[in-house]
N, C-alpha and C. Protein backbone atom coordinates (compact mmCIF):
# COMPACT_ATOMS: atom_id res chain seq x y z
N MET A 1 111.44 -39.24 159.27
CA MET A 1 111.80 -38.53 160.40
C MET A 1 111.68 -39.69 161.85
N ALA A 2 112.60 -38.82 162.85
CA ALA A 2 112.60 -39.79 163.80
C ALA A 2 111.43 -39.80 164.63
N ASN A 3 111.14 -40.94 165.19
CA ASN A 3 110.16 -41.24 166.38
C ASN A 3 110.49 -40.78 167.89
N ILE A 4 112.06 -41.34 168.03
CA ILE A 4 112.41 -41.42 169.33
C ILE A 4 112.91 -39.80 169.81
N LYS A 5 112.34 -39.66 171.07
CA LYS A 5 112.71 -38.16 171.66
C LYS A 5 113.93 -37.58 171.42
N SER A 6 115.16 -38.59 172.03
CA SER A 6 116.50 -38.40 171.91
C SER A 6 116.82 -38.04 170.32
N ALA A 7 116.51 -38.92 169.51
CA ALA A 7 116.98 -39.01 168.01
C ALA A 7 116.09 -37.45 167.66
N LYS A 8 115.17 -36.88 167.90
CA LYS A 8 114.37 -35.83 167.52
C LYS A 8 115.44 -34.82 167.65
N LYS A 9 115.99 -34.92 169.22
CA LYS A 9 116.73 -33.75 169.91
C LYS A 9 118.19 -33.80 169.14
N ARG A 10 118.35 -35.02 168.68
CA ARG A 10 119.69 -35.02 168.08
C ARG A 10 119.73 -34.17 166.62
N ILE A 11 118.77 -34.74 166.31
CA ILE A 11 118.54 -33.92 164.68
C ILE A 11 118.51 -32.41 164.69
N LEU A 12 117.83 -31.73 165.98
CA LEU A 12 117.89 -30.35 165.95
C LEU A 12 119.38 -29.68 166.54
N VAL A 13 119.83 -30.67 167.47
CA VAL A 13 121.00 -29.95 167.53
C VAL A 13 122.19 -30.26 166.42
N ASN A 14 122.42 -31.43 165.58
CA ASN A 14 123.31 -31.29 164.64
C ASN A 14 122.82 -30.13 163.65
N ARG A 15 121.44 -29.71 163.49
CA ARG A 15 121.18 -28.92 162.41
C ARG A 15 121.58 -27.48 163.20
N THR A 16 121.77 -27.15 163.91
CA THR A 16 122.17 -26.05 164.80
C THR A 16 123.97 -25.86 164.65
N LYS A 17 124.62 -27.08 165.14
CA LYS A 17 125.82 -26.92 165.04
C LYS A 17 126.32 -26.94 163.30
N ALA A 18 125.61 -27.53 162.37
CA ALA A 18 125.69 -27.22 161.12
C ALA A 18 125.69 -26.06 160.77
N ASP A 19 124.80 -25.11 161.30
CA ASP A 19 124.74 -23.87 160.71
C ASP A 19 125.82 -22.90 161.35
N ARG A 20 126.19 -23.43 162.95
CA ARG A 20 127.23 -22.86 163.20
C ARG A 20 128.32 -22.71 162.38
N ASN A 21 128.95 -24.17 162.32
CA ASN A 21 130.18 -24.43 161.42
C ASN A 21 129.80 -23.59 160.20
N LYS A 22 128.84 -23.83 159.45
CA LYS A 22 128.71 -22.98 158.25
C LYS A 22 129.29 -21.98 158.02
N ALA A 23 128.82 -21.08 159.21
CA ALA A 23 129.03 -19.49 159.40
C ALA A 23 130.65 -19.06 159.82
N ILE A 24 130.91 -20.15 160.55
CA ILE A 24 132.55 -20.05 160.59
C ILE A 24 133.64 -20.15 159.73
N LYS A 25 132.90 -21.30 158.94
CA LYS A 25 133.46 -21.33 157.77
C LYS A 25 133.60 -20.33 156.66
N SER A 26 132.36 -19.63 156.74
CA SER A 26 132.19 -18.86 155.71
C SER A 26 132.77 -17.28 156.15
N GLY A 27 132.78 -17.38 157.39
CA GLY A 27 133.88 -16.12 157.81
C GLY A 27 135.40 -16.54 157.49
N VAL A 28 135.71 -17.47 157.47
CA VAL A 28 136.98 -17.84 157.04
C VAL A 28 137.56 -17.51 155.84
N LYS A 29 136.42 -18.06 154.93
CA LYS A 29 136.57 -18.03 153.62
C LYS A 29 136.50 -16.31 153.11
N THR A 30 135.81 -15.57 153.71
CA THR A 30 135.71 -14.25 153.34
C THR A 30 137.29 -13.39 153.81
N SER A 31 137.67 -13.98 154.94
CA SER A 31 138.74 -13.54 155.46
C SER A 31 139.92 -13.69 154.68
N VAL A 32 139.91 -14.48 154.21
CA VAL A 32 141.12 -15.29 153.56
C VAL A 32 141.04 -14.36 151.68
N LYS A 33 139.56 -14.18 151.44
CA LYS A 33 139.60 -13.53 150.40
C LYS A 33 140.08 -12.23 150.35
N LYS A 34 139.74 -11.57 151.32
CA LYS A 34 140.04 -10.02 151.73
C LYS A 34 141.70 -10.14 151.72
N VAL A 35 142.34 -10.74 152.27
CA VAL A 35 143.93 -11.00 151.97
C VAL A 35 144.68 -11.03 150.86
N THR A 36 143.56 -12.14 150.16
CA THR A 36 144.06 -12.25 148.35
C THR A 36 143.84 -10.83 147.35
N ALA A 37 142.72 -10.60 147.73
CA ALA A 37 142.40 -9.28 147.33
C ALA A 37 143.14 -7.90 147.68
N ALA A 38 143.87 -7.96 148.32
CA ALA A 38 144.84 -6.96 149.31
C ALA A 38 146.15 -7.40 148.42
N ILE A 39 146.17 -8.42 148.13
CA ILE A 39 147.72 -8.90 147.93
C ILE A 39 147.84 -8.62 146.25
N ALA A 40 146.53 -9.06 145.49
CA ALA A 40 146.41 -8.82 144.21
C ALA A 40 146.43 -7.39 143.85
N ALA A 41 145.74 -6.35 144.70
CA ALA A 41 146.17 -4.99 144.65
C ALA A 41 147.32 -4.29 144.84
N ASN A 42 148.19 -5.11 145.45
CA ASN A 42 149.59 -4.91 145.59
C ASN A 42 149.66 -3.74 146.76
N ASP A 43 148.35 -3.93 148.04
CA ASP A 43 148.50 -2.99 148.63
C ASP A 43 148.99 -3.62 150.37
N LYS A 44 150.03 -3.01 150.44
CA LYS A 44 150.89 -3.66 151.59
C LYS A 44 150.18 -3.58 153.05
N GLU A 45 149.52 -2.30 153.40
CA GLU A 45 148.99 -2.10 154.50
C GLU A 45 147.80 -2.88 154.67
N ALA A 46 147.16 -2.71 153.45
CA ALA A 46 145.83 -3.76 153.79
C ALA A 46 146.08 -5.07 153.71
N ALA A 47 146.97 -5.48 153.19
CA ALA A 47 147.39 -6.88 153.19
C ALA A 47 147.62 -7.24 154.51
N SER A 48 148.71 -6.61 155.28
CA SER A 48 149.05 -7.12 156.67
C SER A 48 148.15 -7.07 157.71
N ALA A 49 147.13 -5.74 157.19
CA ALA A 49 146.12 -5.62 158.25
C ALA A 49 145.06 -6.73 158.13
N ALA A 50 144.57 -7.22 157.16
CA ALA A 50 143.98 -8.37 156.48
C ALA A 50 144.38 -9.77 156.91
N LEU A 51 145.76 -9.82 156.73
CA LEU A 51 146.45 -11.01 157.21
C LEU A 51 146.25 -11.46 158.77
N VAL A 52 146.69 -10.44 159.51
CA VAL A 52 146.12 -10.42 161.40
C VAL A 52 144.58 -10.74 161.43
N ALA A 53 143.49 -10.08 160.72
CA ALA A 53 142.49 -10.45 160.93
C ALA A 53 142.19 -11.88 160.56
N ALA A 54 142.76 -12.49 159.44
CA ALA A 54 142.43 -13.59 159.00
C ALA A 54 142.99 -14.48 159.64
N THR A 55 144.29 -14.21 160.07
CA THR A 55 144.75 -15.33 161.13
C THR A 55 144.11 -15.55 162.50
N ALA A 56 143.53 -14.61 162.65
CA ALA A 56 142.53 -14.51 164.31
C ALA A 56 141.50 -15.09 163.98
N THR A 57 141.17 -14.95 162.69
CA THR A 57 139.67 -16.02 162.17
C THR A 57 139.76 -17.30 162.32
N ILE A 58 140.90 -17.79 161.69
CA ILE A 58 141.51 -19.34 161.44
C ILE A 58 141.69 -19.68 162.67
N ASP A 59 142.16 -19.04 163.40
CA ASP A 59 142.87 -19.66 164.68
C ASP A 59 141.60 -20.13 165.45
N LYS A 60 140.78 -18.89 165.49
CA LYS A 60 139.51 -19.34 166.07
C LYS A 60 138.72 -20.54 165.68
N ALA A 61 138.54 -20.64 164.50
CA ALA A 61 137.79 -21.76 163.94
C ALA A 61 138.27 -23.06 164.35
N ALA A 62 139.69 -23.23 164.30
CA ALA A 62 140.40 -24.18 164.50
C ALA A 62 140.26 -24.57 166.32
N LYS A 63 140.33 -23.53 166.95
CA LYS A 63 139.84 -23.64 168.24
C LYS A 63 138.75 -24.48 169.07
N LYS A 64 137.57 -23.85 167.77
CA LYS A 64 136.07 -24.23 167.86
C LYS A 64 135.98 -25.51 167.33
N GLY A 65 137.09 -25.99 166.74
CA GLY A 65 136.86 -27.64 166.30
C GLY A 65 136.34 -27.44 165.17
N VAL A 66 135.93 -26.32 164.07
CA VAL A 66 135.43 -26.33 162.65
C VAL A 66 136.59 -26.79 161.79
N LEU A 67 137.62 -26.16 162.09
CA LEU A 67 138.77 -26.56 161.26
C LEU A 67 140.03 -27.53 161.76
N HIS A 68 140.42 -28.30 161.23
CA HIS A 68 141.61 -29.34 162.01
C HIS A 68 142.72 -28.27 162.40
N LYS A 69 143.72 -28.49 163.17
CA LYS A 69 144.43 -27.71 163.76
C LYS A 69 145.84 -27.42 162.38
N ASN A 70 146.11 -28.77 162.04
CA ASN A 70 147.20 -28.58 160.61
C ASN A 70 146.40 -27.99 159.57
N THR A 71 145.02 -28.12 159.09
CA THR A 71 144.30 -26.77 158.19
C THR A 71 144.47 -25.81 158.27
N ALA A 72 144.30 -25.35 159.48
CA ALA A 72 144.51 -24.03 159.81
C ALA A 72 145.83 -23.53 159.96
N SER A 73 146.84 -24.18 160.51
CA SER A 73 148.08 -24.12 160.34
C SER A 73 148.80 -23.72 158.88
N ARG A 74 148.35 -24.65 158.16
CA ARG A 74 148.61 -24.56 156.81
C ARG A 74 147.85 -23.21 155.85
N LYS A 75 146.86 -22.95 156.24
CA LYS A 75 146.17 -21.84 155.72
C LYS A 75 146.73 -20.73 156.03
N VAL A 76 147.30 -20.35 157.33
CA VAL A 76 147.98 -19.07 157.66
C VAL A 76 149.44 -19.15 157.04
N SER A 77 149.94 -20.19 157.22
CA SER A 77 151.26 -20.18 156.58
C SER A 77 151.09 -19.87 154.99
N ARG A 78 150.38 -20.21 154.08
CA ARG A 78 150.23 -19.99 152.84
C ARG A 78 150.07 -18.39 153.00
N LEU A 79 148.93 -17.74 153.73
CA LEU A 79 148.53 -16.40 153.54
C LEU A 79 149.96 -15.56 153.89
N ALA A 80 150.60 -16.03 154.96
CA ALA A 80 151.84 -15.28 155.20
C ALA A 80 152.81 -15.16 154.17
N GLN A 81 153.05 -16.49 153.56
CA GLN A 81 154.06 -16.75 152.57
C GLN A 81 153.63 -15.86 151.08
N ALA A 82 152.37 -15.71 151.14
CA ALA A 82 152.11 -14.85 149.73
C ALA A 82 152.05 -13.13 150.15
N GLY A 83 152.23 -13.01 151.51
CA GLY A 83 152.08 -11.60 152.00
C GLY A 83 153.26 -11.03 151.95
N HIS A 84 154.24 -12.24 152.33
CA HIS A 84 156.00 -11.97 152.25
C HIS A 84 156.45 -11.81 150.88
N LYS A 85 155.97 -12.64 149.96
CA LYS A 85 156.51 -12.68 148.27
C LYS A 85 156.17 -11.08 148.30
N MET A 86 154.97 -10.53 148.39
CA MET A 86 154.62 -9.34 147.80
C MET A 86 155.27 -8.08 148.17
N ALA A 87 156.23 -8.40 149.21
CA ALA A 87 157.01 -7.29 149.89
C ALA A 87 158.34 -7.19 149.15
C-alpha cells in the first residue's frame, strides 16, 4: 500500500475510473448482444431498434474514451452490416 498521500488518492481515483469503464464496457456488450439476438431471431423491427440503441451506446463509450474511436466505428459497422444482411 502507498504511503504518500497523492499515491493513495491515485489508487482511489484509478479504482473509481476502472469501475466506471467496466460499467460502460458492460453496457456496450449488452447492447451488442441484444442486436445479435434480434438478428438471430430474424426480428427486423427489434433488430433495427436495438441497432440504433447499440450505436448510441458505442458512440458514447468512444466519446468518453472507454473505447478507441476506430474500435467503436468497427463495432457499429459490423452490427449495421449484419443487420442489412438479414433484410
